[in-house]
Amino acid sequence: MTPEQHEPRDSAGQMDKRLDSFAERIDKLEVKISVATKWLERIEHRLERMEEARAELLTAITKLQTELELKRGPTEKEIILQMLDNDKHDMQKLTDLIEGDKGRAQERFLQIWAVLGPVIASVLSSLFTRYFM
């Protein structure tokens, strides 16, 4: 074999080695791609489950909000009725207070006249007796 013939064999051998190394790399990459594909499928499956759970959660939250609104209605009504009852009670207290003040004013008026009445009567009677008798 001449050196010229040896070179094509060497270059063919080197090319074969390179092709084999490329084939090995491609095989390794295919394995990695299949692993990555499996992981992507798992992730997609988890995302689908999360979306389903999210939809169920939103439905449950909406249902709870509706129930709270229904429960809140009577409590607001009760609060309004309680406030109206408190207003009635306050008005009754105010009325009783005003009537009590009127009663006290009348009582004071009568007490004053009980004292002043005889005094005025004696003054008037003394004036009448002086001028008319």
N, C-alpha and C. Protein backbone atom coordinates (compact mmCIF):
# COMPACT_ATOMS: atom_id res chain seq x y z
N MET A 1 0.82 -1.18 0.00
CA MET A 1 0.00 0.00 0.00
C MET A 1 0.86 1.24 0.00
N THR A 2 0.45 2.04 -0.82
CA THR A 2 1.17 3.27 -0.96
C THR A 2 0.59 4.28 0.01
N PRO A 3 1.36 5.27 0.32
CA PRO A 3 0.85 6.27 1.25
C PRO A 3 -0.39 6.97 0.70
N GLU A 4 -0.51 7.04 -0.60
CA GLU A 4 -1.69 7.69 -1.16
C GLU A 4 -2.93 6.83 -0.93
N GLN A 5 -2.77 5.50 -1.00
CA GLN A 5 -3.90 4.61 -0.75
C GLN A 5 -4.22 4.58 0.74
N HIS A 6 -3.21 4.71 1.55
CA HIS A 6 -3.38 4.66 3.00
C HIS A 6 -4.19 5.86 3.49
N GLU A 7 -3.96 6.99 2.87
CA GLU A 7 -4.67 8.20 3.28
C GLU A 7 -6.17 8.09 3.06
N PRO A 8 -6.65 7.62 1.91
CA PRO A 8 -8.10 7.51 1.78
C PRO A 8 -8.69 6.55 2.80
N ARG A 9 -7.96 5.49 3.11
CA ARG A 9 -8.49 4.58 4.12
C ARG A 9 -8.56 5.26 5.47
N ASP A 10 -7.50 5.98 5.81
CA ASP A 10 -7.49 6.70 7.08
C ASP A 10 -8.59 7.75 7.12
N SER A 11 -8.71 8.47 6.03
CA SER A 11 -9.76 9.49 6.02
C SER A 11 -11.13 8.83 6.04
N ALA A 12 -11.28 7.68 5.38
CA ALA A 12 -12.56 6.97 5.42
C ALA A 12 -12.80 6.44 6.83
N GLY A 13 -11.74 5.96 7.48
CA GLY A 13 -11.88 5.48 8.86
C GLY A 13 -12.24 6.62 9.81
N GLN A 14 -11.59 7.74 9.59
CA GLN A 14 -11.90 8.91 10.42
C GLN A 14 -13.34 9.36 10.18
N MET A 15 -13.74 9.31 8.93
CA MET A 15 -15.13 9.69 8.63
C MET A 15 -16.10 8.71 9.27
N ASP A 16 -15.74 7.42 9.22
CA ASP A 16 -16.59 6.42 9.86
C ASP A 16 -16.67 6.66 11.36
N LYS A 17 -15.51 6.96 11.96
CA LYS A 17 -15.49 7.26 13.40
C LYS A 17 -16.34 8.49 13.71
N ARG A 18 -16.18 9.49 12.89
CA ARG A 18 -16.98 10.71 13.11
C ARG A 18 -18.47 10.41 12.94
N LEU A 19 -18.79 9.65 11.90
CA LEU A 19 -20.19 9.28 11.68
C LEU A 19 -20.72 8.46 12.85
N ASP A 20 -19.88 7.54 13.35
CA ASP A 20 -20.29 6.75 14.51
C ASP A 20 -20.50 7.64 15.73
N SER A 21 -19.59 8.58 15.94
CA SER A 21 -19.75 9.49 17.09
C SER A 21 -20.99 10.37 16.91
N PHE A 22 -21.23 10.79 15.66
CA PHE A 22 -22.46 11.56 15.41
C PHE A 22 -23.70 10.70 15.65
N ALA A 23 -23.62 9.44 15.21
CA ALA A 23 -24.76 8.53 15.42
C ALA A 23 -24.99 8.33 16.91
N GLU A 24 -23.90 8.17 17.69
CA GLU A 24 -24.03 8.03 19.14
C GLU A 24 -24.63 9.29 19.75
N ARG A 25 -24.16 10.42 19.32
CA ARG A 25 -24.70 11.69 19.83
C ARG A 25 -26.18 11.81 19.48
N ILE A 26 -26.52 11.44 18.23
CA ILE A 26 -27.93 11.51 17.81
C ILE A 26 -28.76 10.56 18.66
N ASP A 27 -28.23 9.34 18.92
CA ASP A 27 -28.96 8.39 19.77
C ASP A 27 -29.16 8.96 21.17
N LYS A 28 -28.10 9.55 21.73
CA LYS A 28 -28.21 10.16 23.07
C LYS A 28 -29.22 11.30 23.06
N LEU A 29 -29.17 12.12 22.01
CA LEU A 29 -30.13 13.22 21.91
C LEU A 29 -31.56 12.71 21.76
N GLU A 30 -31.72 11.61 20.99
CA GLU A 30 -33.06 11.03 20.86
C GLU A 30 -33.57 10.53 22.19
N VAL A 31 -32.70 9.92 23.00
CA VAL A 31 -33.09 9.47 24.34
C VAL A 31 -33.48 10.67 25.19
N LYS A 32 -32.65 11.71 25.14
CA LYS A 32 -32.96 12.91 25.91
C LYS A 32 -34.27 13.54 25.44
N ILE A 33 -34.49 13.54 24.12
CA ILE A 33 -35.74 14.11 23.59
C ILE A 33 -36.93 13.28 24.05
N SER A 34 -36.78 11.95 24.05
CA SER A 34 -37.90 11.12 24.51
C SER A 34 -38.17 11.37 25.99
N VAL A 35 -37.12 11.53 26.80
CA VAL A 35 -37.30 11.84 28.22
C VAL A 35 -37.97 13.20 28.37
N ALA A 36 -37.49 14.18 27.60
CA ALA A 36 -38.09 15.52 27.67
C ALA A 36 -39.54 15.48 27.22
N THR A 37 -39.84 14.67 26.20
CA THR A 37 -41.23 14.54 25.73
C THR A 37 -42.11 13.95 26.81
N LYS A 38 -41.59 12.91 27.49
CA LYS A 38 -42.36 12.31 28.59
C LYS A 38 -42.62 13.34 29.69
N TRP A 39 -41.58 14.13 30.02
CA TRP A 39 -41.75 15.16 31.05
C TRP A 39 -42.77 16.20 30.60
N LEU A 40 -42.70 16.59 29.32
CA LEU A 40 -43.67 17.56 28.81
C LEU A 40 -45.09 17.01 28.87
N GLU A 41 -45.25 15.72 28.56
CA GLU A 41 -46.57 15.10 28.64
C GLU A 41 -47.07 15.11 30.08
N ARG A 42 -46.17 14.78 31.02
CA ARG A 42 -46.55 14.81 32.44
C ARG A 42 -46.95 16.23 32.87
N ILE A 43 -46.15 17.19 32.44
CA ILE A 43 -46.44 18.59 32.79
C ILE A 43 -47.78 19.02 32.19
N GLU A 44 -48.03 18.65 30.94
CA GLU A 44 -49.31 18.99 30.31
C GLU A 44 -50.46 18.34 31.06
N HIS A 45 -50.27 17.07 31.47
CA HIS A 45 -51.32 16.38 32.22
C HIS A 45 -51.58 17.09 33.55
N ARG A 46 -50.50 17.48 34.23
CA ARG A 46 -50.66 18.22 35.50
C ARG A 46 -51.37 19.55 35.27
N LEU A 47 -51.00 20.24 34.20
CA LEU A 47 -51.66 21.52 33.89
C LEU A 47 -53.14 21.33 33.63
N GLU A 48 -53.48 20.25 32.91
CA GLU A 48 -54.90 19.97 32.67
C GLU A 48 -55.63 19.72 33.98
N ARG A 49 -55.00 18.93 34.87
CA ARG A 49 -55.63 18.68 36.17
C ARG A 49 -55.76 19.96 36.98
N MET A 50 -54.73 20.81 36.90
CA MET A 50 -54.79 22.09 37.62
C MET A 50 -55.89 22.97 37.07
N GLU A 51 -56.07 22.99 35.75
CA GLU A 51 -57.14 23.79 35.15
C GLU A 51 -58.50 23.26 35.57
N GLU A 52 -58.65 21.92 35.61
CA GLU A 52 -59.91 21.33 36.07
C GLU A 52 -60.16 21.70 37.54
N ALA A 53 -59.11 21.58 38.35
CA ALA A 53 -59.24 21.92 39.77
C ALA A 53 -59.56 23.41 39.93
N ARG A 54 -58.96 24.24 39.10
CA ARG A 54 -59.22 25.68 39.15
C ARG A 54 -60.68 25.97 38.81
N ALA A 55 -61.18 25.29 37.78
CA ALA A 55 -62.58 25.49 37.41
C ALA A 55 -63.51 25.04 38.54
N GLU A 56 -63.19 23.89 39.16
CA GLU A 56 -64.00 23.42 40.28
C GLU A 56 -63.92 24.38 41.46
N LEU A 57 -62.73 24.91 41.70
CA LEU A 57 -62.54 25.86 42.79
C LEU A 57 -63.33 27.14 42.55
N LEU A 58 -63.29 27.65 41.32
CA LEU A 58 -64.07 28.85 40.99
C LEU A 58 -65.56 28.60 41.17
N THR A 59 -66.02 27.41 40.78
CA THR A 59 -67.43 27.06 40.95
C THR A 59 -67.78 27.03 42.44
N ALA A 60 -66.91 26.42 43.25
CA ALA A 60 -67.16 26.35 44.69
C ALA A 60 -67.16 27.74 45.31
N ILE A 61 -66.23 28.60 44.89
CA ILE A 61 -66.17 29.97 45.43
C ILE A 61 -67.43 30.74 45.05
N THR A 62 -67.86 30.59 43.81
CA THR A 62 -69.09 31.27 43.38
C THR A 62 -70.28 30.79 44.18
N LYS A 63 -70.34 29.49 44.41
CA LYS A 63 -71.44 28.92 45.20
C LYS A 63 -71.42 29.48 46.63
N LEU A 64 -70.22 29.53 47.22
CA LEU A 64 -70.11 30.07 48.59
C LEU A 64 -70.49 31.54 48.64
N GLN A 65 -70.09 32.31 47.64
CA GLN A 65 -70.46 33.73 47.61
C GLN A 65 -71.96 33.88 47.50
N THR A 66 -72.59 33.04 46.69
CA THR A 66 -74.05 33.10 46.56
C THR A 66 -74.71 32.76 47.89
N GLU A 67 -74.21 31.72 48.56
CA GLU A 67 -74.77 31.35 49.86
C GLU A 67 -74.59 32.48 50.86
N LEU A 68 -73.42 33.12 50.85
CA LEU A 68 -73.19 34.24 51.76
C LEU A 68 -74.14 35.39 51.48
N GLU A 69 -74.37 35.68 50.20
CA GLU A 69 -75.30 36.75 49.84
C GLU A 69 -76.70 36.42 50.35
N LEU A 70 -77.10 35.14 50.20
CA LEU A 70 -78.43 34.75 50.66
C LEU A 70 -78.52 34.83 52.18
N LYS A 71 -77.44 34.47 52.87
CA LYS A 71 -77.45 34.54 54.32
C LYS A 71 -77.35 35.98 54.80
N ARG A 72 -76.65 36.82 54.05
CA ARG A 72 -76.45 38.20 54.45
C ARG A 72 -77.75 38.99 54.37
N GLY A 73 -78.63 38.65 53.43
CA GLY A 73 -79.88 39.38 53.24
C GLY A 73 -80.70 39.48 54.52
N PRO A 74 -81.03 38.35 55.16
CA PRO A 74 -81.81 38.43 56.40
C PRO A 74 -81.08 39.17 57.52
N THR A 75 -79.78 39.06 57.59
CA THR A 75 -79.07 39.76 58.65
C THR A 75 -79.16 41.27 58.44
N GLU A 76 -79.08 41.72 57.18
CA GLU A 76 -79.24 43.15 56.92
C GLU A 76 -80.66 43.58 57.28
N LYS A 77 -81.62 42.73 56.96
CA LYS A 77 -83.01 43.03 57.29
C LYS A 77 -83.17 43.12 58.81
N GLU A 78 -82.56 42.17 59.51
CA GLU A 78 -82.63 42.19 60.98
C GLU A 78 -81.98 43.44 61.54
N ILE A 79 -80.88 43.85 60.96
CA ILE A 79 -80.20 45.07 61.42
C ILE A 79 -81.09 46.28 61.22
N ILE A 80 -81.74 46.37 60.06
CA ILE A 80 -82.63 47.50 59.79
C ILE A 80 -83.80 47.49 60.76
N LEU A 81 -84.39 46.30 60.98
CA LEU A 81 -85.50 46.21 61.93
C LEU A 81 -85.06 46.59 63.34
N GLN A 82 -83.87 46.16 63.73
CA GLN A 82 -83.34 46.52 65.05
C GLN A 82 -83.14 48.03 65.16
N MET A 83 -82.63 48.65 64.09
CA MET A 83 -82.44 50.10 64.11
C MET A 83 -83.78 50.82 64.21
N LEU A 84 -84.78 50.33 63.48
CA LEU A 84 -86.11 50.94 63.57
C LEU A 84 -86.69 50.77 64.97
N ASP A 85 -86.48 49.60 65.56
CA ASP A 85 -86.97 49.36 66.92
C ASP A 85 -86.24 50.28 67.90
N ASN A 86 -84.93 50.46 67.69
CA ASN A 86 -84.18 51.38 68.55
C ASN A 86 -84.70 52.81 68.40
N ASP A 87 -85.01 53.21 67.17
CA ASP A 87 -85.57 54.55 66.95
C ASP A 87 -86.90 54.70 67.66
N LYS A 88 -87.75 53.67 67.59
CA LYS A 88 -89.04 53.71 68.29
C LYS A 88 -88.81 53.85 69.79
N HIS A 89 -87.89 53.06 70.31
CA HIS A 89 -87.60 53.09 71.74
C HIS A 89 -87.07 54.47 72.16
N ASP A 90 -86.17 55.03 71.34
CA ASP A 90 -85.64 56.37 71.63
C ASP A 90 -86.74 57.42 71.58
N MET A 91 -87.63 57.32 70.60
CA MET A 91 -88.74 58.28 70.51
C MET A 91 -89.65 58.16 71.73
N GLN A 92 -89.90 56.92 72.18
CA GLN A 92 -90.73 56.73 73.36
C GLN A 92 -90.07 57.33 74.59
N LYS A 93 -88.76 57.13 74.72
CA LYS A 93 -88.03 57.73 75.85
C LYS A 93 -88.11 59.25 75.80
N LEU A 94 -87.95 59.82 74.61
CA LEU A 94 -88.02 61.26 74.45
C LEU A 94 -89.41 61.78 74.81
N THR A 95 -90.44 61.06 74.34
CA THR A 95 -91.82 61.45 74.67
C THR A 95 -92.05 61.39 76.17
N ASP A 96 -91.59 60.31 76.81
CA ASP A 96 -91.75 60.20 78.26
C ASP A 96 -91.00 61.31 78.98
N LEU A 97 -89.82 61.65 78.49
CA LEU A 97 -89.04 62.72 79.10
C LEU A 97 -89.75 64.06 78.98
N ILE A 98 -90.29 64.34 77.78
CA ILE A 98 -91.02 65.61 77.58
C ILE A 98 -92.26 65.66 78.46
N GLU A 99 -93.00 64.55 78.50
CA GLU A 99 -94.19 64.52 79.35
C GLU A 99 -93.81 64.66 80.82
N GLY A 100 -92.69 64.06 81.20
CA GLY A 100 -92.22 64.20 82.58
C GLY A 100 -91.87 65.64 82.89
N ASP A 101 -91.23 66.33 81.93
CA ASP A 101 -90.90 67.74 82.12
C ASP A 101 -92.17 68.58 82.23
N LYS A 102 -93.18 68.27 81.42
CA LYS A 102 -94.45 69.01 81.51
C LYS A 102 -95.10 68.78 82.87
N GLY A 103 -95.06 67.54 83.33
CA GLY A 103 -95.63 67.23 84.64
C GLY A 103 -94.91 67.98 85.74
N ARG A 104 -93.58 68.03 85.63
CA ARG A 104 -92.81 68.76 86.63
C ARG A 104 -93.09 70.25 86.56
N ALA A 105 -93.24 70.77 85.35
CA ALA A 105 -93.55 72.20 85.21
C ALA A 105 -94.91 72.51 85.83
N GLN A 106 -95.88 71.64 85.57
CA GLN A 106 -97.20 71.84 86.17
C GLN A 106 -97.11 71.72 87.69
N GLU A 107 -96.34 70.77 88.16
CA GLU A 107 -96.19 70.59 89.60
C GLU A 107 -95.52 71.81 90.22
N ARG A 108 -94.49 72.33 89.57
CA ARG A 108 -93.81 73.52 90.06
C ARG A 108 -94.77 74.72 90.06
N PHE A 109 -95.54 74.85 88.97
CA PHE A 109 -96.52 75.93 88.89
C PHE A 109 -97.52 75.84 90.05
N LEU A 110 -97.99 74.65 90.32
CA LEU A 110 -98.94 74.48 91.43
C LEU A 110 -98.28 74.76 92.78
N GLN A 111 -97.03 74.37 92.94
CA GLN A 111 -96.34 74.65 94.20
C GLN A 111 -96.17 76.15 94.39
N ILE A 112 -95.80 76.85 93.30
CA ILE A 112 -95.64 78.31 93.40
C ILE A 112 -96.97 78.95 93.74
N TRP A 113 -98.05 78.54 93.07
CA TRP A 113 -99.36 79.12 93.36
C TRP A 113 -99.86 78.73 94.74
N ALA A 114 -99.42 77.58 95.22
CA ALA A 114 -99.83 77.20 96.58
C ALA A 114 -99.23 78.15 97.60
N VAL A 115 -98.03 78.65 97.32
CA VAL A 115 -97.39 79.59 98.24
C VAL A 115 -97.86 81.01 97.95
N LEU A 116 -97.84 81.41 96.65
CA LEU A 116 -98.16 82.78 96.31
C LEU A 116 -99.66 83.09 96.38
N GLY A 117 -100.47 82.09 96.17
CA GLY A 117 -101.92 82.32 96.18
C GLY A 117 -102.42 82.95 97.48
N PRO A 118 -102.14 82.39 98.62
CA PRO A 118 -102.59 83.00 99.87
C PRO A 118 -101.95 84.36 100.12
N VAL A 119 -100.66 84.50 99.68
CA VAL A 119 -100.00 85.79 99.88
C VAL A 119 -100.70 86.85 99.05
N ILE A 120 -100.95 86.57 97.78
CA ILE A 120 -101.64 87.53 96.91
C ILE A 120 -103.05 87.79 97.43
N ALA A 121 -103.71 86.73 97.88
CA ALA A 121 -105.08 86.90 98.41
C ALA A 121 -105.09 87.81 99.64
N SER A 122 -104.11 87.64 100.52
CA SER A 122 -104.08 88.50 101.71
C SER A 122 -103.74 89.93 101.34
N VAL A 123 -102.84 90.12 100.35
CA VAL A 123 -102.50 91.47 99.91
C VAL A 123 -103.72 92.12 99.28
N LEU A 124 -104.42 91.41 98.42
CA LEU A 124 -105.61 91.97 97.78
C LEU A 124 -106.72 92.25 98.81
N SER A 125 -106.90 91.34 99.72
CA SER A 125 -107.95 91.59 100.72
C SER A 125 -107.60 92.78 101.61
N SER A 126 -106.33 92.95 101.93
CA SER A 126 -105.97 94.12 102.73
C SER A 126 -106.14 95.40 101.93
N LEU A 127 -105.84 95.36 100.61
CA LEU A 127 -106.05 96.53 99.77
C LEU A 127 -107.54 96.86 99.66
N PHE A 128 -108.36 95.85 99.44
CA PHE A 128 -109.80 96.09 99.34
C PHE A 128 -110.36 96.62 100.66
N THR A 129 -109.90 96.09 101.76
CA THR A 129 -110.43 96.56 103.04
C THR A 129 -109.98 97.98 103.32
N ARG A 130 -108.84 98.36 102.90
CA ARG A 130 -108.36 99.69 103.14
C ARG A 130 -109.13 100.71 102.30
N TYR A 131 -109.32 100.43 101.00
CA TYR A 131 -109.96 101.40 100.14
C TYR A 131 -111.47 101.33 100.18
N PHE A 132 -112.04 100.19 100.42
CA PHE A 132 -113.50 100.09 100.38
C PHE A 132 -114.11 100.11 101.76
N MET A 133 -113.44 100.07 102.74
CA MET A 133 -114.06 100.14 104.05
C MET A 133 -113.65 101.34 104.78
